[in-house]
Amino acid sequence: MSHLLTVSEIIDDLRVADEALRRFERLYWLSSEHFFELYNQGLLDDGEHLHDFSQWAGFCKLRRRRLEAFNRLSEEQVARWRKSGKPIHLERREPMVEPL
């Protein structure tokens, strides 16, 4: 059974992931994008920093999944607006989305 996420939960997860990624980037002087590429290629040591690297990779994955969910929701909404042919009226609401 999957858990539906609210947009607020997605945005909160993105904030937490971004803060964690910035912390690791400051510690290791390396962008998360470059870290994740090296990590996925198995080029990083698995010694004393294994715990940090595992967490860092986890936050990279979380950020990617939440951005995909948020972008998918936005794209679906824009497509509905365009299909209607009516002026776009933004509403404050809290839709639920299926996480990736």
C-alpha atoms as a PDB file:
ATOM      1  CA  MET A   1       0.000   0.000   0.000  1.00  0.00           C
ATOM      2  CA  SER A   2       1.532   3.296  -1.038  1.00  0.00           C
ATOM      3  CA  HIS A   3       1.306   6.526   0.875  1.00  0.00           C
ATOM      4  CA  LEU A   4      -0.111   9.590  -0.836  1.00  0.00           C
ATOM      5  CA  LEU A   5       1.878  12.762  -0.327  1.00  0.00           C
ATOM      6  CA  THR A   6       0.604  16.286  -0.057  1.00  0.00           C
ATOM      7  CA  VAL A   7       2.372  19.078  -1.879  1.00  0.00           C
ATOM      8  CA  SER A   8       3.361  20.446   1.537  1.00  0.00           C
ATOM      9  CA  GLU A   9       5.035  17.140   2.395  1.00  0.00           C
ATOM     10  CA  ILE A  10       6.873  17.142  -0.932  1.00  0.00           C
ATOM     11  CA  ILE A  11       8.099  20.699  -0.390  1.00  0.00           C
ATOM     12  CA  ASP A  12       9.093  19.927   3.212  1.00  0.00           C
ATOM     13  CA  ASP A  13      11.047  16.867   2.020  1.00  0.00           C
ATOM     14  CA  LEU A  14      12.770  19.016  -0.611  1.00  0.00           C
ATOM     15  CA  ARG A  15      13.752  21.575   2.050  1.00  0.00           C
ATOM     16  CA  VAL A  16      15.170  18.892   4.342  1.00  0.00           C
ATOM     17  CA  ALA A  17      17.037  17.232   1.463  1.00  0.00           C
ATOM     18  CA  ASP A  18      18.434  20.570   0.248  1.00  0.00           C
ATOM     19  CA  GLU A  19      19.671  21.458   3.740  1.00  0.00           C
ATOM     20  CA  ALA A  20      21.344  18.057   4.128  1.00  0.00           C
ATOM     21  CA  LEU A  21      22.915  18.257   0.673  1.00  0.00           C
ATOM     22  CA  ARG A  22      24.334  21.731   1.416  1.00  0.00           C
ATOM     23  CA  ARG A  23      25.804  20.417   4.676  1.00  0.00           C
ATOM     24  CA  PHE A  24      27.603  17.586   2.854  1.00  0.00           C
ATOM     25  CA  GLU A  25      28.750  19.941   0.092  1.00  0.00           C
ATOM     26  CA  ARG A  26      30.313  22.237   2.708  1.00  0.00           C
ATOM     27  CA  LEU A  27      31.983  19.301   4.465  1.00  0.00           C
ATOM     28  CA  TYR A  28      33.482  17.741   1.351  1.00  0.00           C
ATOM     29  CA  TRP A  29      33.764  20.750  -1.000  1.00  0.00           C
ATOM     30  CA  LEU A  30      31.956  18.875  -3.754  1.00  0.00           C
ATOM     31  CA  SER A  31      28.608  19.465  -5.458  1.00  0.00           C
ATOM     32  CA  SER A  32      25.966  16.845  -4.794  1.00  0.00           C
ATOM     33  CA  GLU A  33      25.622  16.294  -8.525  1.00  0.00           C
ATOM     34  CA  HIS A  34      29.306  15.415  -8.858  1.00  0.00           C
ATOM     35  CA  PHE A  35      29.267  13.379  -5.652  1.00  0.00           C
ATOM     36  CA  PHE A  36      26.304  11.303  -6.817  1.00  0.00           C
ATOM     37  CA  GLU A  37      27.932  10.642 -10.185  1.00  0.00           C
ATOM     38  CA  LEU A  38      31.142   9.416  -8.481  1.00  0.00           C
ATOM     39  CA  TYR A  39      29.127   7.451  -5.913  1.00  0.00           C
ATOM     40  CA  ASN A  40      27.095   5.656  -8.578  1.00  0.00           C
ATOM     41  CA  GLN A  41      30.270   4.800 -10.481  1.00  0.00           C
ATOM     42  CA  GLY A  42      31.753   3.237  -7.348  1.00  0.00           C
ATOM     43  CA  LEU A  43      34.723   5.603  -7.416  1.00  0.00           C
ATOM     44  CA  LEU A  44      34.510   6.812  -3.802  1.00  0.00           C
ATOM     45  CA  ASP A  45      36.248   5.078  -0.944  1.00  0.00           C
ATOM     46  CA  ASP A  46      34.049   2.957   1.276  1.00  0.00           C
ATOM     47  CA  GLY A  47      36.127   3.440   4.387  1.00  0.00           C
ATOM     48  CA  GLU A  48      35.748   6.042   7.061  1.00  0.00           C
ATOM     49  CA  HIS A  49      33.104   8.116   5.220  1.00  0.00           C
ATOM     50  CA  LEU A  50      30.731   5.275   4.321  1.00  0.00           C
ATOM     51  CA  HIS A  51      28.005   6.519   6.678  1.00  0.00           C
ATOM     52  CA  ASP A  52      28.183  10.081   5.325  1.00  0.00           C
ATOM     53  CA  PHE A  53      28.239   8.895   1.730  1.00  0.00           C
ATOM     54  CA  SER A  54      25.244   6.614   2.263  1.00  0.00           C
ATOM     55  CA  GLN A  55      23.262   9.456   3.802  1.00  0.00           C
ATOM     56  CA  TRP A  56      24.368  11.895   1.113  1.00  0.00           C
ATOM     57  CA  ALA A  57      23.306   9.494  -1.647  1.00  0.00           C
ATOM     58  CA  GLY A  58      19.983   8.922   0.116  1.00  0.00           C
ATOM     59  CA  PHE A  59      19.250  12.640   0.216  1.00  0.00           C
ATOM     60  CA  CYS A  60      20.221  12.923  -3.472  1.00  0.00           C
ATOM     61  CA  LYS A  61      17.701  10.194  -4.304  1.00  0.00           C
ATOM     62  CA  LEU A  62      15.000  11.707  -2.097  1.00  0.00           C
ATOM     63  CA  ARG A  63      15.430  15.119  -3.714  1.00  0.00           C
ATOM     64  CA  ARG A  64      15.270  13.618  -7.203  1.00  0.00           C
ATOM     65  CA  ARG A  65      12.100  11.619  -6.435  1.00  0.00           C
ATOM     66  CA  ARG A  66      10.328  14.556  -4.802  1.00  0.00           C
ATOM     67  CA  LEU A  67      11.254  16.915  -7.642  1.00  0.00           C
ATOM     68  CA  GLU A  68       9.907  14.371 -10.134  1.00  0.00           C
ATOM     69  CA  ALA A  69       6.630  14.104  -8.196  1.00  0.00           C
ATOM     70  CA  PHE A  70       6.266  17.882  -7.895  1.00  0.00           C
ATOM     71  CA  ASN A  71       7.106  18.460 -11.571  1.00  0.00           C
ATOM     72  CA  ARG A  72       4.675  15.729 -12.636  1.00  0.00           C
ATOM     73  CA  LEU A  73       1.909  17.344 -10.590  1.00  0.00           C
ATOM     74  CA  SER A  74       2.695  20.775 -12.059  1.00  0.00           C
ATOM     75  CA  GLU A  75       2.781  19.439 -15.630  1.00  0.00           C
ATOM     76  CA  GLU A  76      -0.584  17.709 -15.164  1.00  0.00           C
ATOM     77  CA  GLN A  77      -2.100  20.892 -13.780  1.00  0.00           C
ATOM     78  CA  VAL A  78      -0.754  23.043 -16.627  1.00  0.00           C
ATOM     79  CA  ALA A  79      -2.048  20.514 -19.188  1.00  0.00           C
ATOM     80  CA  ARG A  80      -5.556  20.687 -17.646  1.00  0.00           C
ATOM     81  CA  TRP A  81      -5.484  24.473 -17.742  1.00  0.00           C
ATOM     82  CA  ARG A  82      -4.381  24.574 -21.358  1.00  0.00           C
ATOM     83  CA  LYS A  83      -6.981  22.011 -22.380  1.00  0.00           C
ATOM     84  CA  SER A  84      -9.774  24.038 -20.805  1.00  0.00           C
ATOM     85  CA  GLY A  85      -8.918  27.090 -22.915  1.00  0.00           C
ATOM     86  CA  LYS A  86     -10.030  29.314 -20.058  1.00  0.00           C
ATOM     87  CA  PRO A  87      -7.960  31.919 -18.233  1.00  0.00           C
ATOM     88  CA  ILE A  88      -5.783  30.337 -15.593  1.00  0.00           C
ATOM     89  CA  HIS A  89      -6.914  30.920 -12.032  1.00  0.00           C
ATOM     90  CA  LEU A  90      -4.439  29.753  -9.403  1.00  0.00           C
ATOM     91  CA  GLU A  91      -6.030  28.381  -6.260  1.00  0.00           C
ATOM     92  CA  ARG A  92      -4.657  27.666  -2.829  1.00  0.00           C
ATOM     93  CA  ARG A  93      -5.237  23.974  -2.343  1.00  0.00           C
ATOM     94  CA  GLU A  94      -3.500  20.864  -1.144  1.00  0.00           C
ATOM     95  CA  PRO A  95      -3.663  18.069  -3.750  1.00  0.00           C
ATOM     96  CA  MET A  96      -2.410  14.570  -2.997  1.00  0.00           C
ATOM     97  CA  VAL A  97       0.097  12.841  -5.289  1.00  0.00           C
ATOM     98  CA  GLU A  98       1.437   9.323  -5.545  1.00  0.00           C
ATOM     99  CA  PRO A  99       5.153   9.224  -4.595  1.00  0.00           C
ATOM    100  CA  LEU A 100       7.645   7.693  -6.996  1.00  0.00           C
END
